[in-house]
């Protein structure tokens, strides 16, 4: 969910929580299926959230990715607080302990151009 310039006005977008700017330090959870990393759930505070799935997932890990995305989309559509969606994702997935670290490494190098 990183920010990218939009080439045109969006006609429809699924409900979503605001995404942070991937600058500075934030909290990072690595979501896993066994040893396979499914993606990273990030936040700087409780006003914005980031979900960055890895490409090329196995079929089983792809299901976990869909579970995370469904929870985030459904909770946002229902108007539920972001903290509830965050807790639900962590309840339903295998994940590493949180790490506080710089978020810049998750951004595409051309994102600011």
C-alpha atoms as a PDB file:
ATOM      1  CA  UNK A   1       0.000   0.000   0.000  1.00  0.00           C
ATOM      2  CA  UNK A   2       2.829   2.450  -0.625  1.00  0.00           C
ATOM      3  CA  UNK A   3       1.996   5.859  -2.061  1.00  0.00           C
ATOM      4  CA  UNK A   4       2.389   6.274  -5.804  1.00  0.00           C
ATOM      5  CA  UNK A   5       1.343   9.197  -8.007  1.00  0.00           C
ATOM      6  CA  UNK A   6      -1.996   8.509  -9.685  1.00  0.00           C
ATOM      7  CA  UNK A   7      -2.067   9.045 -13.464  1.00  0.00           C
ATOM      8  CA  UNK A   8      -5.804   9.829 -13.465  1.00  0.00           C
ATOM      9  CA  UNK A   9      -8.724  10.338 -11.133  1.00  0.00           C
ATOM     10  CA  UNK A  10      -9.894   7.029  -9.646  1.00  0.00           C
ATOM     11  CA  UNK A  11     -13.497   6.146 -10.412  1.00  0.00           C
ATOM     12  CA  UNK A  12     -13.695   3.335  -7.860  1.00  0.00           C
ATOM     13  CA  UNK A  13     -11.354   2.160  -5.167  1.00  0.00           C
ATOM     14  CA  UNK A  14     -12.078  -0.478  -2.546  1.00  0.00           C
ATOM     15  CA  UNK A  15     -12.347   0.770   1.037  1.00  0.00           C
ATOM     16  CA  UNK A  16      -8.948   1.074   2.679  1.00  0.00           C
ATOM     17  CA  UNK A  17      -7.222   2.597   5.662  1.00  0.00           C
ATOM     18  CA  UNK A  18      -4.846   5.488   4.966  1.00  0.00           C
ATOM     19  CA  UNK A  19      -1.316   4.450   4.015  1.00  0.00           C
ATOM     20  CA  UNK A  20       1.716   6.066   5.643  1.00  0.00           C
ATOM     21  CA  UNK A  21       4.578   7.654   3.701  1.00  0.00           C
ATOM     22  CA  UNK A  22       7.291   5.058   4.486  1.00  0.00           C
ATOM     23  CA  UNK A  23       9.602   7.690   5.946  1.00  0.00           C
ATOM     24  CA  UNK A  24      11.147   7.530   9.387  1.00  0.00           C
ATOM     25  CA  UNK A  25      10.859   4.760  11.921  1.00  0.00           C
ATOM     26  CA  UNK A  26       7.867   2.475  12.293  1.00  0.00           C
ATOM     27  CA  UNK A  27       6.677  -0.838  13.651  1.00  0.00           C
ATOM     28  CA  UNK A  28       7.096  -3.795  11.276  1.00  0.00           C
ATOM     29  CA  UNK A  29       5.497  -7.230  11.558  1.00  0.00           C
ATOM     30  CA  UNK A  30       6.683  -9.924   9.154  1.00  0.00           C
ATOM     31  CA  UNK A  31       3.723 -12.146   8.238  1.00  0.00           C
ATOM     32  CA  UNK A  32       4.747 -15.739   7.472  1.00  0.00           C
ATOM     33  CA  UNK A  33       3.509 -19.126   6.419  1.00  0.00           C
ATOM     34  CA  UNK A  34       6.087 -21.483   7.860  1.00  0.00           C
ATOM     35  CA  UNK A  35       9.431 -20.189   6.590  1.00  0.00           C
ATOM     36  CA  UNK A  36       7.924 -18.320   3.648  1.00  0.00           C
ATOM     37  CA  UNK A  37       7.544 -14.569   4.137  1.00  0.00           C
ATOM     38  CA  UNK A  38       4.080 -13.530   2.930  1.00  0.00           C
ATOM     39  CA  UNK A  39       4.534  -9.793   3.473  1.00  0.00           C
ATOM     40  CA  UNK A  40       5.109  -6.962   5.924  1.00  0.00           C
ATOM     41  CA  UNK A  41       2.475  -5.163   7.964  1.00  0.00           C
ATOM     42  CA  UNK A  42       3.752  -1.719   8.976  1.00  0.00           C
ATOM     43  CA  UNK A  43       2.596   1.321  10.875  1.00  0.00           C
ATOM     44  CA  UNK A  44       4.041   4.578  12.134  1.00  0.00           C
ATOM     45  CA  UNK A  45       1.160   5.342  14.467  1.00  0.00           C
ATOM     46  CA  UNK A  46      -2.539   4.512  14.551  1.00  0.00           C
ATOM     47  CA  UNK A  47      -3.456   6.946  11.769  1.00  0.00           C
ATOM     48  CA  UNK A  48      -2.017   4.968   8.838  1.00  0.00           C
ATOM     49  CA  UNK A  49      -1.049   1.409   7.986  1.00  0.00           C
ATOM     50  CA  UNK A  50       0.972  -0.375   5.314  1.00  0.00           C
ATOM     51  CA  UNK A  51       0.651  -3.867   3.843  1.00  0.00           C
ATOM     52  CA  UNK A  52       3.354  -4.972   1.421  1.00  0.00           C
ATOM     53  CA  UNK A  53       2.908  -8.546   0.156  1.00  0.00           C
ATOM     54  CA  UNK A  54       5.852 -10.293  -1.465  1.00  0.00           C
ATOM     55  CA  UNK A  55       5.610 -11.283  -5.125  1.00  0.00           C
ATOM     56  CA  UNK A  56       5.834 -14.875  -6.324  1.00  0.00           C
ATOM     57  CA  UNK A  57       4.134 -16.502  -3.349  1.00  0.00           C
ATOM     58  CA  UNK A  58       3.275 -20.179  -3.181  1.00  0.00           C
ATOM     59  CA  UNK A  59      -0.412 -21.040  -3.487  1.00  0.00           C
ATOM     60  CA  UNK A  60      -0.747 -21.492   0.285  1.00  0.00           C
ATOM     61  CA  UNK A  61       1.029 -18.216   1.076  1.00  0.00           C
ATOM     62  CA  UNK A  62      -1.180 -16.505  -1.507  1.00  0.00           C
ATOM     63  CA  UNK A  63      -4.183 -17.585   0.554  1.00  0.00           C
ATOM     64  CA  UNK A  64      -2.647 -15.948   3.650  1.00  0.00           C
ATOM     65  CA  UNK A  65      -2.086 -12.759   1.609  1.00  0.00           C
ATOM     66  CA  UNK A  66      -5.763 -12.796   0.615  1.00  0.00           C
ATOM     67  CA  UNK A  67      -6.819 -13.296   4.242  1.00  0.00           C
ATOM     68  CA  UNK A  68      -4.813 -10.225   5.303  1.00  0.00           C
ATOM     69  CA  UNK A  69      -6.177  -8.111   2.449  1.00  0.00           C
ATOM     70  CA  UNK A  70      -9.764  -9.262   3.098  1.00  0.00           C
ATOM     71  CA  UNK A  71      -9.519  -8.339   6.778  1.00  0.00           C
ATOM     72  CA  UNK A  72      -8.094  -4.884   6.013  1.00  0.00           C
ATOM     73  CA  UNK A  73     -10.659  -4.184   3.287  1.00  0.00           C
ATOM     74  CA  UNK A  74     -13.679  -5.544   5.219  1.00  0.00           C
ATOM     75  CA  UNK A  75     -12.847  -3.733   8.457  1.00  0.00           C
ATOM     76  CA  UNK A  76     -12.285  -0.461   6.560  1.00  0.00           C
ATOM     77  CA  UNK A  77     -15.613  -0.901   4.713  1.00  0.00           C
ATOM     78  CA  UNK A  78     -17.415  -1.491   8.017  1.00  0.00           C
ATOM     79  CA  UNK A  79     -15.829   1.641   9.508  1.00  0.00           C
ATOM     80  CA  UNK A  80     -14.096  -0.335  12.244  1.00  0.00           C
ATOM     81  CA  UNK A  81     -10.988   1.151  13.877  1.00  0.00           C
ATOM     82  CA  UNK A  82      -7.615   0.386  12.342  1.00  0.00           C
ATOM     83  CA  UNK A  83      -6.407  -1.111  15.623  1.00  0.00           C
ATOM     84  CA  UNK A  84      -9.148  -3.762  15.378  1.00  0.00           C
ATOM     85  CA  UNK A  85      -8.092  -4.728  11.843  1.00  0.00           C
ATOM     86  CA  UNK A  86      -4.453  -4.867  12.964  1.00  0.00           C
ATOM     87  CA  UNK A  87      -5.339  -7.173  15.874  1.00  0.00           C
ATOM     88  CA  UNK A  88      -7.487  -9.398  13.640  1.00  0.00           C
ATOM     89  CA  UNK A  89      -4.675  -9.833  11.112  1.00  0.00           C
ATOM     90  CA  UNK A  90      -2.261 -10.789  13.889  1.00  0.00           C
ATOM     91  CA  UNK A  91      -4.808 -13.203  15.405  1.00  0.00           C
ATOM     92  CA  UNK A  92      -5.233 -15.070  12.106  1.00  0.00           C
ATOM     93  CA  UNK A  93      -1.656 -15.170  10.844  1.00  0.00           C
ATOM     94  CA  UNK A  94       1.716 -16.465  11.851  1.00  0.00           C
ATOM     95  CA  UNK A  95       4.072 -13.524  12.381  1.00  0.00           C
ATOM     96  CA  UNK A  96       7.409 -12.530  13.847  1.00  0.00           C
ATOM     97  CA  UNK A  97       7.744 -10.289  16.873  1.00  0.00           C
ATOM     98  CA  UNK A  98       7.425  -6.597  15.977  1.00  0.00           C
ATOM     99  CA  UNK A  99      10.540  -4.663  15.059  1.00  0.00           C
ATOM    100  CA  UNK A 100      10.974  -0.885  15.249  1.00  0.00           C
ATOM    101  CA  UNK A 101      13.082   0.101  12.266  1.00  0.00           C
ATOM    102  CA  UNK A 102      13.350   2.636   9.429  1.00  0.00           C
ATOM    103  CA  UNK A 103      10.611   2.199   6.818  1.00  0.00           C
ATOM    104  CA  UNK A 104      12.583   3.719   3.930  1.00  0.00           C
ATOM    105  CA  UNK A 105      13.761   0.269   2.772  1.00  0.00           C
ATOM    106  CA  UNK A 106      10.182  -0.641   1.803  1.00  0.00           C
ATOM    107  CA  UNK A 107       9.817   2.240  -0.674  1.00  0.00           C
ATOM    108  CA  UNK A 108      10.598   1.983  -4.347  1.00  0.00           C
ATOM    109  CA  UNK A 109      13.680   4.120  -5.174  1.00  0.00           C
ATOM    110  CA  UNK A 110      11.678   6.092  -7.796  1.00  0.00           C
ATOM    111  CA  UNK A 111       8.689   6.748  -5.496  1.00  0.00           C
ATOM    112  CA  UNK A 112       9.708  10.388  -4.863  1.00  0.00           C
ATOM    113  CA  UNK A 113      10.311  11.285  -8.513  1.00  0.00           C
END
